């Protein structure tokens, strides 16, 4: 009898695990929660995801190499308010592409990188979704500003965002349009002026820098990462809007197909050095 009970419990647990996945996610090239194409499967499906310089990573401030000779980040064009931008749910994140022809970007170590888009990785207070961690603490959200230079090299600025009780008005132009892209392939445009400089923390010039990869397939390496040393905040009410976003189209709506958390697990440093700017 005991053997049959154990077998029944095992089958029930297996069934629960199988049902915990969003079936439609498994039909995608990759996903965050699919049973056959989730992050654990990426190295098998995409060889570059098995590289030695993968992202994201955990940053330990007592293990970084402080380098006084490093130039701080210089943001240019960020202070010009965005009046036109496309917002898309691509099934993996919410992407904002700026369409106002303003030259925005960063200058670091004498190189200019131009802002192409920004997107988000999020979760809840119980299951945070930022990709990078700081001293083993994972924030609820991470904003990633993706830049490229004239040589098609990529530099990404990551801003770690903590959930607080009070709304952060800097995020409100984004939050108000997330309602229009709750499902995959839905798109809209910014309805209000977006001041992207306000999405950055105060004094955003200091960073933790390292060489890594894109955090989604194809996991291309040689990406310059700049995780800002200071953090930003988002209101609990505002974060809840992100938690309503799905990885599937509305016809496939299912509670198991909510996108959050949409972060890749931490990757091994493999001997890489994380630098801290002044």
C-alpha atoms as a PDB file:
ATOM      1  CA  UNK A   1       0.000   0.000   0.000  1.00  0.00           C
ATOM      2  CA  UNK A   2       2.814   2.395   0.909  1.00  0.00           C
ATOM      3  CA  UNK A   3       4.469   1.795  -2.461  1.00  0.00           C
ATOM      4  CA  UNK A   4       1.247   2.617  -4.315  1.00  0.00           C
ATOM      5  CA  UNK A   5       0.797   5.779  -2.248  1.00  0.00           C
ATOM      6  CA  UNK A   6       4.344   6.912  -3.026  1.00  0.00           C
ATOM      7  CA  UNK A   7       3.775   6.194  -6.717  1.00  0.00           C
ATOM      8  CA  UNK A   8       0.547   8.188  -6.665  1.00  0.00           C
ATOM      9  CA  UNK A   9       2.274  11.125  -4.985  1.00  0.00           C
ATOM     10  CA  UNK A  10       5.113  10.999  -7.516  1.00  0.00           C
ATOM     11  CA  UNK A  11       2.690  10.995 -10.460  1.00  0.00           C
ATOM     12  CA  UNK A  12       0.711  13.845  -8.940  1.00  0.00           C
ATOM     13  CA  UNK A  13       3.861  15.923  -8.425  1.00  0.00           C
ATOM     14  CA  UNK A  14       4.984  15.191 -11.978  1.00  0.00           C
ATOM     15  CA  UNK A  15       1.605  16.278 -13.296  1.00  0.00           C
ATOM     16  CA  UNK A  16       1.774  19.506 -11.288  1.00  0.00           C
ATOM     17  CA  UNK A  17       5.220  20.285 -12.678  1.00  0.00           C
ATOM     18  CA  UNK A  18       4.022  19.606 -16.220  1.00  0.00           C
ATOM     19  CA  UNK A  19       1.006  21.872 -15.736  1.00  0.00           C
ATOM     20  CA  UNK A  20       3.195  24.640 -14.336  1.00  0.00           C
ATOM     21  CA  UNK A  21       4.421  25.476 -17.826  1.00  0.00           C
ATOM     22  CA  UNK A  22       2.737  27.623 -20.434  1.00  0.00           C
ATOM     23  CA  UNK A  23       2.210  25.254 -23.357  1.00  0.00           C
ATOM     24  CA  UNK A  24       2.236  28.046 -25.940  1.00  0.00           C
ATOM     25  CA  UNK A  25       5.659  29.166 -24.689  1.00  0.00           C
ATOM     26  CA  UNK A  26       7.037  25.814 -25.825  1.00  0.00           C
ATOM     27  CA  UNK A  27       6.115  26.712 -29.408  1.00  0.00           C
ATOM     28  CA  UNK A  28       8.434  29.721 -29.370  1.00  0.00           C
ATOM     29  CA  UNK A  29      12.090  29.816 -30.385  1.00  0.00           C
ATOM     30  CA  UNK A  30      12.887  30.387 -26.728  1.00  0.00           C
ATOM     31  CA  UNK A  31      11.017  31.399 -23.599  1.00  0.00           C
ATOM     32  CA  UNK A  32      11.472  32.077 -19.905  1.00  0.00           C
ATOM     33  CA  UNK A  33       9.047  29.462 -18.644  1.00  0.00           C
ATOM     34  CA  UNK A  34       8.720  26.770 -21.309  1.00  0.00           C
ATOM     35  CA  UNK A  35       9.630  23.208 -20.380  1.00  0.00           C
ATOM     36  CA  UNK A  36      11.567  22.576 -23.611  1.00  0.00           C
ATOM     37  CA  UNK A  37      12.952  26.010 -24.457  1.00  0.00           C
ATOM     38  CA  UNK A  38      13.404  27.756 -21.102  1.00  0.00           C
ATOM     39  CA  UNK A  39      16.723  29.240 -19.914  1.00  0.00           C
ATOM     40  CA  UNK A  40      18.112  25.878 -18.799  1.00  0.00           C
ATOM     41  CA  UNK A  41      17.730  24.666 -22.375  1.00  0.00           C
ATOM     42  CA  UNK A  42      19.276  27.704 -24.079  1.00  0.00           C
ATOM     43  CA  UNK A  43      22.871  26.369 -24.028  1.00  0.00           C
ATOM     44  CA  UNK A  44      21.624  23.244 -25.817  1.00  0.00           C
ATOM     45  CA  UNK A  45      19.500  25.130 -28.337  1.00  0.00           C
ATOM     46  CA  UNK A  46      21.869  28.049 -28.948  1.00  0.00           C
ATOM     47  CA  UNK A  47      25.607  27.249 -28.755  1.00  0.00           C
ATOM     48  CA  UNK A  48      26.647  30.825 -27.936  1.00  0.00           C
ATOM     49  CA  UNK A  49      24.564  30.641 -24.751  1.00  0.00           C
ATOM     50  CA  UNK A  50      27.177  28.161 -23.514  1.00  0.00           C
ATOM     51  CA  UNK A  51      30.022  30.676 -23.838  1.00  0.00           C
ATOM     52  CA  UNK A  52      32.447  31.770 -21.149  1.00  0.00           C
ATOM     53  CA  UNK A  53      31.388  35.428 -21.028  1.00  0.00           C
ATOM     54  CA  UNK A  54      27.664  35.195 -20.452  1.00  0.00           C
ATOM     55  CA  UNK A  55      25.279  37.602 -18.744  1.00  0.00           C
ATOM     56  CA  UNK A  56      23.759  38.426 -16.324  1.00  0.00           C
ATOM     57  CA  UNK A  57      26.060  38.075 -13.338  1.00  0.00           C
ATOM     58  CA  UNK A  58      26.004  38.622  -9.603  1.00  0.00           C
ATOM     59  CA  UNK A  59      28.050  41.664  -8.555  1.00  0.00           C
ATOM     60  CA  UNK A  60      29.775  41.566  -5.170  1.00  0.00           C
ATOM     61  CA  UNK A  61      31.052  44.997  -4.231  1.00  0.00           C
ATOM     62  CA  UNK A  62      33.808  43.533  -2.046  1.00  0.00           C
ATOM     63  CA  UNK A  63      35.157  41.622  -5.056  1.00  0.00           C
ATOM     64  CA  UNK A  64      35.153  44.353  -7.716  1.00  0.00           C
ATOM     65  CA  UNK A  65      38.352  45.991  -8.892  1.00  0.00           C
ATOM     66  CA  UNK A  66      38.270  49.726  -8.246  1.00  0.00           C
ATOM     67  CA  UNK A  67      39.973  51.624 -11.030  1.00  0.00           C
ATOM     68  CA  UNK A  68      40.436  55.363 -10.550  1.00  0.00           C
ATOM     69  CA  UNK A  69      41.597  55.728 -14.148  1.00  0.00           C
ATOM     70  CA  UNK A  70      38.220  54.688 -15.556  1.00  0.00           C
ATOM     71  CA  UNK A  71      36.198  57.512 -17.045  1.00  0.00           C
ATOM     72  CA  UNK A  72      32.700  57.947 -15.729  1.00  0.00           C
ATOM     73  CA  UNK A  73      29.734  57.505 -18.040  1.00  0.00           C
ATOM     74  CA  UNK A  74      28.716  60.608 -19.940  1.00  0.00           C
ATOM     75  CA  UNK A  75      25.085  60.583 -21.090  1.00  0.00           C
ATOM     76  CA  UNK A  76      24.270  62.829 -24.031  1.00  0.00           C
ATOM     77  CA  UNK A  77      20.825  63.597 -25.424  1.00  0.00           C
ATOM     78  CA  UNK A  78      19.123  61.863 -22.500  1.00  0.00           C
ATOM     79  CA  UNK A  79      17.885  65.221 -21.205  1.00  0.00           C
ATOM     80  CA  UNK A  80      15.870  65.807 -24.381  1.00  0.00           C
ATOM     81  CA  UNK A  81      12.339  64.609 -23.667  1.00  0.00           C
ATOM     82  CA  UNK A  82      11.023  61.790 -25.866  1.00  0.00           C
ATOM     83  CA  UNK A  83       7.848  62.832 -27.650  1.00  0.00           C
ATOM     84  CA  UNK A  84       7.585  59.911 -30.038  1.00  0.00           C
ATOM     85  CA  UNK A  85       8.327  56.276 -29.283  1.00  0.00           C
ATOM     86  CA  UNK A  86       7.021  52.858 -30.271  1.00  0.00           C
ATOM     87  CA  UNK A  87       6.131  50.368 -27.519  1.00  0.00           C
ATOM     88  CA  UNK A  88       5.951  46.637 -28.282  1.00  0.00           C
ATOM     89  CA  UNK A  89       5.361  43.418 -26.357  1.00  0.00           C
ATOM     90  CA  UNK A  90       7.605  40.945 -28.215  1.00  0.00           C
ATOM     91  CA  UNK A  91       6.665  38.007 -25.989  1.00  0.00           C
ATOM     92  CA  UNK A  92       9.862  38.337 -23.953  1.00  0.00           C
ATOM     93  CA  UNK A  93       9.744  41.915 -22.693  1.00  0.00           C
ATOM     94  CA  UNK A  94       8.283  45.348 -23.325  1.00  0.00           C
ATOM     95  CA  UNK A  95      10.507  47.291 -25.740  1.00  0.00           C
ATOM     96  CA  UNK A  96      10.499  51.044 -26.287  1.00  0.00           C
ATOM     97  CA  UNK A  97      12.111  52.284 -29.507  1.00  0.00           C
ATOM     98  CA  UNK A  98      12.602  56.033 -29.721  1.00  0.00           C
ATOM     99  CA  UNK A  99      11.421  57.517 -33.012  1.00  0.00           C
ATOM    100  CA  UNK A 100      12.148  61.238 -32.658  1.00  0.00           C
ATOM    101  CA  UNK A 101      15.549  61.241 -34.435  1.00  0.00           C
ATOM    102  CA  UNK A 102      17.327  62.744 -31.414  1.00  0.00           C
ATOM    103  CA  UNK A 103      20.902  61.532 -30.984  1.00  0.00           C
ATOM    104  CA  UNK A 104      21.087  60.020 -27.514  1.00  0.00           C
ATOM    105  CA  UNK A 105      23.758  57.827 -26.054  1.00  0.00           C
ATOM    106  CA  UNK A 106      26.759  57.410 -23.820  1.00  0.00           C
ATOM    107  CA  UNK A 107      30.422  58.261 -24.084  1.00  0.00           C
ATOM    108  CA  UNK A 108      32.782  55.960 -22.226  1.00  0.00           C
ATOM    109  CA  UNK A 109      36.537  55.603 -22.591  1.00  0.00           C
ATOM    110  CA  UNK A 110      36.372  58.001 -25.552  1.00  0.00           C
ATOM    111  CA  UNK A 111      33.812  55.914 -27.484  1.00  0.00           C
ATOM    112  CA  UNK A 112      30.308  57.055 -28.405  1.00  0.00           C
ATOM    113  CA  UNK A 113      27.453  54.549 -28.298  1.00  0.00           C
ATOM    114  CA  UNK A 114      24.008  55.527 -29.538  1.00  0.00           C
ATOM    115  CA  UNK A 115      20.781  54.513 -27.811  1.00  0.00           C
ATOM    116  CA  UNK A 116      18.729  52.053 -29.875  1.00  0.00           C
ATOM    117  CA  UNK A 117      16.034  50.964 -27.420  1.00  0.00           C
ATOM    118  CA  UNK A 118      15.225  50.287 -23.807  1.00  0.00           C
ATOM    119  CA  UNK A 119      13.451  47.297 -22.327  1.00  0.00           C
ATOM    120  CA  UNK A 120      12.563  45.813 -18.967  1.00  0.00           C
ATOM    121  CA  UNK A 121      13.017  42.692 -16.846  1.00  0.00           C
ATOM    122  CA  UNK A 122      10.664  42.439 -13.887  1.00  0.00           C
ATOM    123  CA  UNK A 123       9.079  40.352 -11.198  1.00  0.00           C
ATOM    124  CA  UNK A 124       7.293  40.808  -7.884  1.00  0.00           C
ATOM    125  CA  UNK A 125       8.500  41.465  -4.360  1.00  0.00           C
ATOM    126  CA  UNK A 126       8.269  37.717  -3.707  1.00  0.00           C
ATOM    127  CA  UNK A 127       9.857  36.729  -7.015  1.00  0.00           C
ATOM    128  CA  UNK A 128      12.034  39.649  -8.200  1.00  0.00           C
ATOM    129  CA  UNK A 129      12.924  39.874 -11.867  1.00  0.00           C
ATOM    130  CA  UNK A 130      15.989  42.075 -12.289  1.00  0.00           C
ATOM    131  CA  UNK A 131      18.715  40.209 -14.158  1.00  0.00           C
ATOM    132  CA  UNK A 132      21.834  41.381 -12.325  1.00  0.00           C
ATOM    133  CA  UNK A 133      22.138  41.119  -8.567  1.00  0.00           C
ATOM    134  CA  UNK A 134      24.036  43.416  -6.243  1.00  0.00           C
ATOM    135  CA  UNK A 135      25.494  41.833  -3.119  1.00  0.00           C
ATOM    136  CA  UNK A 136      23.139  38.878  -3.597  1.00  0.00           C
ATOM    137  CA  UNK A 137      20.129  41.164  -3.601  1.00  0.00           C
ATOM    138  CA  UNK A 138      17.867  41.007  -6.654  1.00  0.00           C
ATOM    139  CA  UNK A 139      15.794  44.101  -7.365  1.00  0.00           C
ATOM    140  CA  UNK A 140      12.224  43.830  -8.548  1.00  0.00           C
ATOM    141  CA  UNK A 141      12.946  45.392 -11.958  1.00  0.00           C
ATOM    142  CA  UNK A 142      15.843  46.234 -14.253  1.00  0.00           C
ATOM    143  CA  UNK A 143      15.816  48.739 -17.096  1.00  0.00           C
ATOM    144  CA  UNK A 144      18.326  48.022 -19.858  1.00  0.00           C
ATOM    145  CA  UNK A 145      19.349  50.793 -22.261  1.00  0.00           C
ATOM    146  CA  UNK A 146      20.825  49.189 -25.381  1.00  0.00           C
ATOM    147  CA  UNK A 147      23.409  51.176 -27.365  1.00  0.00           C
ATOM    148  CA  UNK A 148      25.586  50.473 -30.406  1.00  0.00           C
ATOM    149  CA  UNK A 149      28.545  52.313 -31.924  1.00  0.00           C
ATOM    150  CA  UNK A 150      29.700  52.833 -35.510  1.00  0.00           C
ATOM    151  CA  UNK A 151      31.439  49.440 -35.418  1.00  0.00           C
ATOM    152  CA  UNK A 152      28.181  47.718 -34.453  1.00  0.00           C
ATOM    153  CA  UNK A 153      29.536  46.987 -30.974  1.00  0.00           C
ATOM    154  CA  UNK A 154      27.003  46.856 -28.157  1.00  0.00           C
ATOM    155  CA  UNK A 155      27.045  48.638 -24.794  1.00  0.00           C
ATOM    156  CA  UNK A 156      24.179  48.191 -22.348  1.00  0.00           C
ATOM    157  CA  UNK A 157      23.466  50.342 -19.324  1.00  0.00           C
ATOM    158  CA  UNK A 158      21.548  48.490 -16.619  1.00  0.00           C
ATOM    159  CA  UNK A 159      19.553  50.302 -13.949  1.00  0.00           C
ATOM    160  CA  UNK A 160      18.438  48.265 -10.947  1.00  0.00           C
ATOM    161  CA  UNK A 161      15.018  49.367  -9.720  1.00  0.00           C
ATOM    162  CA  UNK A 162      13.630  48.670  -6.246  1.00  0.00           C
ATOM    163  CA  UNK A 163       9.938  48.542  -5.440  1.00  0.00           C
ATOM    164  CA  UNK A 164       8.696  51.124  -2.917  1.00  0.00           C
ATOM    165  CA  UNK A 165       5.263  52.205  -1.753  1.00  0.00           C
ATOM    166  CA  UNK A 166       5.293  55.590  -3.478  1.00  0.00           C
ATOM    167  CA  UNK A 167       4.887  55.990  -7.245  1.00  0.00           C
ATOM    168  CA  UNK A 168       7.850  57.233  -9.267  1.00  0.00           C
ATOM    169  CA  UNK A 169       6.436  59.710 -11.773  1.00  0.00           C
ATOM    170  CA  UNK A 170       9.361  59.087 -14.136  1.00  0.00           C
ATOM    171  CA  UNK A 171       7.866  55.660 -14.921  1.00  0.00           C
ATOM    172  CA  UNK A 172       4.301  56.871 -15.372  1.00  0.00           C
ATOM    173  CA  UNK A 173       4.486  57.521 -19.167  1.00  0.00           C
ATOM    174  CA  UNK A 174       5.612  53.895 -19.523  1.00  0.00           C
ATOM    175  CA  UNK A 175       3.145  52.389 -17.071  1.00  0.00           C
ATOM    176  CA  UNK A 176       0.194  54.062 -18.781  1.00  0.00           C
ATOM    177  CA  UNK A 177       0.947  52.374 -22.110  1.00  0.00           C
ATOM    178  CA  UNK A 178       1.823  48.944 -20.713  1.00  0.00           C
ATOM    179  CA  UNK A 179      -1.954  48.423 -20.483  1.00  0.00           C
ATOM    180  CA  UNK A 180      -2.025  48.594 -24.301  1.00  0.00           C
ATOM    181  CA  UNK A 181       0.618  45.878 -24.780  1.00  0.00           C
ATOM    182  CA  UNK A 182      -0.422  43.233 -22.275  1.00  0.00           C
ATOM    183  CA  UNK A 183      -0.286  40.531 -24.955  1.00  0.00           C
ATOM    184  CA  UNK A 184       2.384  39.396 -27.385  1.00  0.00           C
ATOM    185  CA  UNK A 185       2.651  41.350 -30.650  1.00  0.00           C
ATOM    186  CA  UNK A 186       0.550  44.212 -29.354  1.00  0.00           C
ATOM    187  CA  UNK A 187       2.051  47.634 -30.000  1.00  0.00           C
ATOM    188  CA  UNK A 188       1.281  51.252 -29.285  1.00  0.00           C
ATOM    189  CA  UNK A 189       2.983  54.619 -29.026  1.00  0.00           C
ATOM    190  CA  UNK A 190       3.941  56.727 -26.070  1.00  0.00           C
ATOM    191  CA  UNK A 191       0.996  58.874 -25.072  1.00  0.00           C
ATOM    192  CA  UNK A 192       2.907  61.243 -22.774  1.00  0.00           C
ATOM    193  CA  UNK A 193       6.322  62.852 -22.880  1.00  0.00           C
ATOM    194  CA  UNK A 194       8.984  60.506 -21.517  1.00  0.00           C
ATOM    195  CA  UNK A 195      12.019  61.969 -19.769  1.00  0.00           C
ATOM    196  CA  UNK A 196      14.418  59.042 -19.946  1.00  0.00           C
ATOM    197  CA  UNK A 197      17.035  60.904 -17.922  1.00  0.00           C
ATOM    198  CA  UNK A 198      14.584  60.663 -15.013  1.00  0.00           C
ATOM    199  CA  UNK A 199      14.665  56.862 -15.304  1.00  0.00           C
ATOM    200  CA  UNK A 200      18.310  57.042 -14.283  1.00  0.00           C
ATOM    201  CA  UNK A 201      19.241  57.406 -10.607  1.00  0.00           C
ATOM    202  CA  UNK A 202      20.796  60.607  -9.341  1.00  0.00           C
ATOM    203  CA  UNK A 203      24.464  60.925 -10.262  1.00  0.00           C
ATOM    204  CA  UNK A 204      24.358  58.046 -12.783  1.00  0.00           C
ATOM    205  CA  UNK A 205      27.949  58.368 -13.972  1.00  0.00           C
ATOM    206  CA  UNK A 206      29.454  55.672 -11.707  1.00  0.00           C
ATOM    207  CA  UNK A 207      29.091  52.032 -12.697  1.00  0.00           C
ATOM    208  CA  UNK A 208      30.211  48.432 -12.373  1.00  0.00           C
ATOM    209  CA  UNK A 209      31.587  47.377 -15.728  1.00  0.00           C
ATOM    210  CA  UNK A 210      32.329  44.001 -17.232  1.00  0.00           C
ATOM    211  CA  UNK A 211      32.365  42.179 -20.554  1.00  0.00           C
ATOM    212  CA  UNK A 212      29.410  39.884 -21.084  1.00  0.00           C
ATOM    213  CA  UNK A 213      26.698  38.918 -23.526  1.00  0.00           C
ATOM    214  CA  UNK A 214      23.147  39.569 -24.543  1.00  0.00           C
ATOM    215  CA  UNK A 215      20.900  37.962 -21.933  1.00  0.00           C
ATOM    216  CA  UNK A 216      18.606  36.385 -24.518  1.00  0.00           C
ATOM    217  CA  UNK A 217      19.391  34.076 -27.441  1.00  0.00           C
ATOM    218  CA  UNK A 218      21.501  34.226 -29.426  1.00  0.00           C
ATOM    219  CA  UNK A 219      23.500  35.259 -26.292  1.00  0.00           C
ATOM    220  CA  UNK A 220      26.056  37.130 -28.417  1.00  0.00           C
ATOM    221  CA  UNK A 221      29.204  37.929 -26.415  1.00  0.00           C
ATOM    222  CA  UNK A 222      31.595  40.897 -26.284  1.00  0.00           C
ATOM    223  CA  UNK A 223      28.882  43.170 -24.937  1.00  0.00           C
ATOM    224  CA  UNK A 224      30.109  46.002 -22.717  1.00  0.00           C
ATOM    225  CA  UNK A 225      27.922  46.110 -19.606  1.00  0.00           C
ATOM    226  CA  UNK A 226      27.616  49.133 -17.325  1.00  0.00           C
ATOM    227  CA  UNK A 227      25.477  48.473 -14.249  1.00  0.00           C
ATOM    228  CA  UNK A 228      24.907  51.770 -12.481  1.00  0.00           C
ATOM    229  CA  UNK A 229      26.127  51.840  -8.898  1.00  0.00           C
ATOM    230  CA  UNK A 230      23.112  53.782  -7.689  1.00  0.00           C
ATOM    231  CA  UNK A 231      19.609  52.348  -7.917  1.00  0.00           C
ATOM    232  CA  UNK A 232      16.203  53.703  -8.901  1.00  0.00           C
ATOM    233  CA  UNK A 233      12.699  53.087  -7.511  1.00  0.00           C
ATOM    234  CA  UNK A 234       9.264  52.186  -8.849  1.00  0.00           C
ATOM    235  CA  UNK A 235       5.967  52.270  -6.983  1.00  0.00           C
ATOM    236  CA  UNK A 236       4.282  49.039  -5.939  1.00  0.00           C
ATOM    237  CA  UNK A 237       1.130  50.042  -7.821  1.00  0.00           C
ATOM    238  CA  UNK A 238       3.175  50.762 -10.947  1.00  0.00           C
ATOM    239  CA  UNK A 239       5.007  47.457 -10.761  1.00  0.00           C
ATOM    240  CA  UNK A 240       1.700  45.596 -10.551  1.00  0.00           C
ATOM    241  CA  UNK A 241       0.898  46.791 -14.078  1.00  0.00           C
ATOM    242  CA  UNK A 242       3.997  45.029 -15.426  1.00  0.00           C
ATOM    243  CA  UNK A 243       2.871  41.877 -13.620  1.00  0.00           C
ATOM    244  CA  UNK A 244      -0.204  41.760 -15.868  1.00  0.00           C
ATOM    245  CA  UNK A 245       1.856  41.333 -19.052  1.00  0.00           C
ATOM    246  CA  UNK A 246       1.619  38.005 -20.904  1.00  0.00           C
ATOM    247  CA  UNK A 247       4.143  36.175 -23.086  1.00  0.00           C
ATOM    248  CA  UNK A 248       1.357  35.028 -25.442  1.00  0.00           C
ATOM    249  CA  UNK A 249      -1.329  36.546 -27.628  1.00  0.00           C
ATOM    250  CA  UNK A 250      -4.692  37.313 -26.053  1.00  0.00           C
ATOM    251  CA  UNK A 251      -6.337  34.260 -27.621  1.00  0.00           C
ATOM    252  CA  UNK A 252      -3.920  32.075 -25.619  1.00  0.00           C
ATOM    253  CA  UNK A 253      -4.376  33.987 -22.363  1.00  0.00           C
ATOM    254  CA  UNK A 254      -3.730  31.747 -19.372  1.00  0.00           C
ATOM    255  CA  UNK A 255      -2.511  32.446 -15.852  1.00  0.00           C
ATOM    256  CA  UNK A 256       0.514  30.203 -16.510  1.00  0.00           C
ATOM    257  CA  UNK A 257       1.497  32.402 -19.463  1.00  0.00           C
ATOM    258  CA  UNK A 258       2.199  35.591 -17.529  1.00  0.00           C
ATOM    259  CA  UNK A 259       5.616  36.896 -18.536  1.00  0.00           C
ATOM    260  CA  UNK A 260       7.048  37.654 -15.094  1.00  0.00           C
ATOM    261  CA  UNK A 261       9.643  36.981 -14.001  1.00  0.00           C
ATOM    262  CA  UNK A 262      11.498  37.402 -17.289  1.00  0.00           C
ATOM    263  CA  UNK A 263      15.100  37.251 -16.124  1.00  0.00           C
ATOM    264  CA  UNK A 264      17.816  34.840 -17.162  1.00  0.00           C
ATOM    265  CA  UNK A 265      19.527  33.038 -14.244  1.00  0.00           C
ATOM    266  CA  UNK A 266      22.938  34.299 -13.139  1.00  0.00           C
ATOM    267  CA  UNK A 267      25.908  33.085 -15.170  1.00  0.00           C
ATOM    268  CA  UNK A 268      29.380  32.113 -14.009  1.00  0.00           C
ATOM    269  CA  UNK A 269      32.062  34.801 -14.082  1.00  0.00           C
ATOM    270  CA  UNK A 270      34.657  32.326 -15.382  1.00  0.00           C
ATOM    271  CA  UNK A 271      37.532  34.507 -14.234  1.00  0.00           C
ATOM    272  CA  UNK A 272      36.167  37.793 -15.539  1.00  0.00           C
ATOM    273  CA  UNK A 273      36.906  40.968 -13.607  1.00  0.00           C
ATOM    274  CA  UNK A 274      34.162  43.414 -12.643  1.00  0.00           C
ATOM    275  CA  UNK A 275      35.480  46.964 -12.532  1.00  0.00           C
ATOM    276  CA  UNK A 276      34.134  49.791 -10.380  1.00  0.00           C
ATOM    277  CA  UNK A 277      34.484  53.307 -11.726  1.00  0.00           C
ATOM    278  CA  UNK A 278      35.111  56.242  -9.385  1.00  0.00           C
END
